[in-house]
Amino acid sequence: MERLFGVLANYPIGKVLHVEPLNGGNTSVVYKVISSEGHWVLRSLKDIQQGEVEYSLSEHINKSGAIVPEIICTKRGKSFFIMKQVFITCKPRRKNQ
């Protein structure tokens, strides 16, 4: 769990209050995160390409007027975080998740 808090420290989401695993991820590990700034979903990615494609796609969809959860960039402005060859992305949690 300490590693998870280390990863979350790279995102501008405020103070982390609670983290719990979410079931249902077919190809990735998924966590529900509650922080002082809101509710988030943190999940692992297959590779860098997946992180870049998902970010570009979500940006494009949001610009078209459809609403999808925005992928939160790290404090360094990256759309994903890399930790020992594990690629991780963070986005706001929709109310029904």
C-alpha atoms as a PDB file:
ATOM      1  CA  MET A   1       0.000   0.000   0.000  1.00  0.00           C
ATOM      2  CA  GLU A   2       2.960   2.344   0.631  1.00  0.00           C
ATOM      3  CA  ARG A   3       3.926   2.032  -3.057  1.00  0.00           C
ATOM      4  CA  LEU A   4       0.425   3.111  -4.026  1.00  0.00           C
ATOM      5  CA  PHE A   5       0.627   6.225  -1.858  1.00  0.00           C
ATOM      6  CA  GLY A   6       4.010   6.951  -3.456  1.00  0.00           C
ATOM      7  CA  VAL A   7       2.417   6.787  -6.911  1.00  0.00           C
ATOM      8  CA  LEU A   8      -0.501   8.980  -5.842  1.00  0.00           C
ATOM      9  CA  ALA A   9       1.919  11.627  -4.517  1.00  0.00           C
ATOM     10  CA  ASN A  10       2.776  12.296  -8.180  1.00  0.00           C
ATOM     11  CA  TYR A  11      -0.757  13.511  -8.942  1.00  0.00           C
ATOM     12  CA  PRO A  12      -2.272  16.891  -7.932  1.00  0.00           C
ATOM     13  CA  ILE A  13      -5.260  15.339  -6.172  1.00  0.00           C
ATOM     14  CA  GLY A  14      -4.791  16.661  -2.642  1.00  0.00           C
ATOM     15  CA  LYS A  15      -4.354  14.575   0.479  1.00  0.00           C
ATOM     16  CA  VAL A  16      -5.178  10.888  -0.042  1.00  0.00           C
ATOM     17  CA  LEU A  17      -7.756   9.772   2.517  1.00  0.00           C
ATOM     18  CA  HIS A  18      -8.700   6.271   1.355  1.00  0.00           C
ATOM     19  CA  VAL A  19      -7.665   3.717  -1.283  1.00  0.00           C
ATOM     20  CA  GLU A  20      -9.389   0.437  -2.095  1.00  0.00           C
ATOM     21  CA  PRO A  21      -9.159  -2.056  -4.960  1.00  0.00           C
ATOM     22  CA  LEU A  22     -12.005  -2.124  -7.483  1.00  0.00           C
ATOM     23  CA  ASN A  23     -13.029  -5.414  -9.038  1.00  0.00           C
ATOM     24  CA  GLY A  24     -13.812  -5.818 -12.689  1.00  0.00           C
ATOM     25  CA  GLY A  25     -10.594  -4.735 -14.380  1.00  0.00           C
ATOM     26  CA  ASN A  26     -10.023  -7.260 -17.168  1.00  0.00           C
ATOM     27  CA  THR A  27      -6.513  -6.203 -18.135  1.00  0.00           C
ATOM     28  CA  SER A  28      -5.430  -3.803 -15.411  1.00  0.00           C
ATOM     29  CA  VAL A  29      -5.301  -3.310 -11.667  1.00  0.00           C
ATOM     30  CA  VAL A  30      -7.812  -0.635 -10.624  1.00  0.00           C
ATOM     31  CA  TYR A  31      -8.149   1.343  -7.395  1.00  0.00           C
ATOM     32  CA  LYS A  32     -10.783   3.733  -6.061  1.00  0.00           C
ATOM     33  CA  VAL A  33      -9.079   6.718  -4.436  1.00  0.00           C
ATOM     34  CA  ILE A  34     -10.708   9.280  -2.164  1.00  0.00           C
ATOM     35  CA  SER A  35      -8.743  12.462  -1.547  1.00  0.00           C
ATOM     36  CA  SER A  36      -9.351  15.911  -0.130  1.00  0.00           C
ATOM     37  CA  GLU A  37     -10.007  17.049  -3.727  1.00  0.00           C
ATOM     38  CA  GLY A  38     -12.484  14.338  -4.790  1.00  0.00           C
ATOM     39  CA  HIS A  39     -12.880  10.729  -5.899  1.00  0.00           C
ATOM     40  CA  TRP A  40     -10.528   9.158  -8.462  1.00  0.00           C
ATOM     41  CA  VAL A  41      -9.798   5.964 -10.342  1.00  0.00           C
ATOM     42  CA  LEU A  42      -6.169   4.885 -10.528  1.00  0.00           C
ATOM     43  CA  ARG A  43      -5.308   2.025 -12.862  1.00  0.00           C
ATOM     44  CA  SER A  44      -2.367   0.323 -14.433  1.00  0.00           C
ATOM     45  CA  LEU A  45      -1.780   0.427 -18.182  1.00  0.00           C
ATOM     46  CA  LYS A  46      -0.320  -2.103 -20.602  1.00  0.00           C
ATOM     47  CA  ASP A  47       2.368   0.210 -21.971  1.00  0.00           C
ATOM     48  CA  ILE A  48       3.339   3.778 -22.871  1.00  0.00           C
ATOM     49  CA  GLN A  49       1.400   3.615 -26.129  1.00  0.00           C
ATOM     50  CA  GLN A  50      -1.844   2.822 -24.296  1.00  0.00           C
ATOM     51  CA  GLY A  51      -1.278   5.819 -22.007  1.00  0.00           C
ATOM     52  CA  GLU A  52      -0.632   8.178 -24.907  1.00  0.00           C
ATOM     53  CA  VAL A  53      -3.553   6.910 -27.008  1.00  0.00           C
ATOM     54  CA  GLU A  54      -6.064   7.039 -24.142  1.00  0.00           C
ATOM     55  CA  TYR A  55      -5.009  10.571 -23.244  1.00  0.00           C
ATOM     56  CA  SER A  56      -5.225  11.817 -26.843  1.00  0.00           C
ATOM     57  CA  LEU A  57      -8.574  10.105 -27.347  1.00  0.00           C
ATOM     58  CA  SER A  58     -10.102  11.511 -24.163  1.00  0.00           C
ATOM     59  CA  GLU A  59      -8.889  15.026 -25.060  1.00  0.00           C
ATOM     60  CA  HIS A  60     -10.379  14.714 -28.554  1.00  0.00           C
ATOM     61  CA  ILE A  61     -13.720  13.404 -27.270  1.00  0.00           C
ATOM     62  CA  ASN A  62     -13.986  16.172 -24.663  1.00  0.00           C
ATOM     63  CA  LYS A  63     -13.269  18.850 -27.303  1.00  0.00           C
ATOM     64  CA  SER A  64     -16.085  17.456 -29.445  1.00  0.00           C
ATOM     65  CA  GLY A  65     -18.586  18.185 -26.693  1.00  0.00           C
ATOM     66  CA  ALA A  66     -19.015  14.679 -25.312  1.00  0.00           C
ATOM     67  CA  ILE A  67     -18.083  14.298 -21.692  1.00  0.00           C
ATOM     68  CA  VAL A  68     -15.619  11.629 -20.606  1.00  0.00           C
ATOM     69  CA  PRO A  69     -13.542  11.680 -17.427  1.00  0.00           C
ATOM     70  CA  GLU A  70     -10.452  13.814 -17.937  1.00  0.00           C
ATOM     71  CA  ILE A  71      -7.175  11.989 -17.418  1.00  0.00           C
ATOM     72  CA  ILE A  72      -5.298  13.814 -14.691  1.00  0.00           C
ATOM     73  CA  CYS A  73      -1.709  14.640 -15.596  1.00  0.00           C
ATOM     74  CA  THR A  74       1.051  14.123 -13.070  1.00  0.00           C
ATOM     75  CA  LYS A  75       2.652  17.085 -11.345  1.00  0.00           C
ATOM     76  CA  ARG A  76       5.278  16.939 -14.102  1.00  0.00           C
ATOM     77  CA  GLY A  77       2.621  17.253 -16.816  1.00  0.00           C
ATOM     78  CA  LYS A  78       2.685  13.633 -18.026  1.00  0.00           C
ATOM     79  CA  SER A  79      -0.552  11.772 -18.808  1.00  0.00           C
ATOM     80  CA  PHE A  80       0.699   8.698 -16.951  1.00  0.00           C
ATOM     81  CA  PHE A  81       3.262   7.723 -14.323  1.00  0.00           C
ATOM     82  CA  ILE A  82       5.903   5.033 -14.827  1.00  0.00           C
ATOM     83  CA  MET A  83       7.090   2.979 -11.855  1.00  0.00           C
ATOM     84  CA  LYS A  84       9.313  -0.043 -12.495  1.00  0.00           C
ATOM     85  CA  GLN A  85       7.805  -0.698 -15.933  1.00  0.00           C
ATOM     86  CA  VAL A  86       4.252  -0.299 -14.601  1.00  0.00           C
ATOM     87  CA  PHE A  87       2.348   2.480 -16.335  1.00  0.00           C
ATOM     88  CA  ILE A  88      -0.344   4.168 -14.275  1.00  0.00           C
ATOM     89  CA  THR A  89      -3.096   6.670 -15.119  1.00  0.00           C
ATOM     90  CA  CYS A  90      -5.516   8.601 -12.914  1.00  0.00           C
ATOM     91  CA  LYS A  91      -8.915  10.089 -13.701  1.00  0.00           C
ATOM     92  CA  PRO A  92     -11.930  11.403 -11.778  1.00  0.00           C
ATOM     93  CA  ARG A  93     -14.359   8.766 -10.591  1.00  0.00           C
ATOM     94  CA  ARG A  94     -17.878   8.953 -12.005  1.00  0.00           C
ATOM     95  CA  LYS A  95     -20.576   8.822  -9.358  1.00  0.00           C
ATOM     96  CA  ASN A  96     -21.844   5.373 -10.422  1.00  0.00           C
ATOM     97  CA  GLN A  97     -18.429   3.652 -10.276  1.00  0.00           C
END
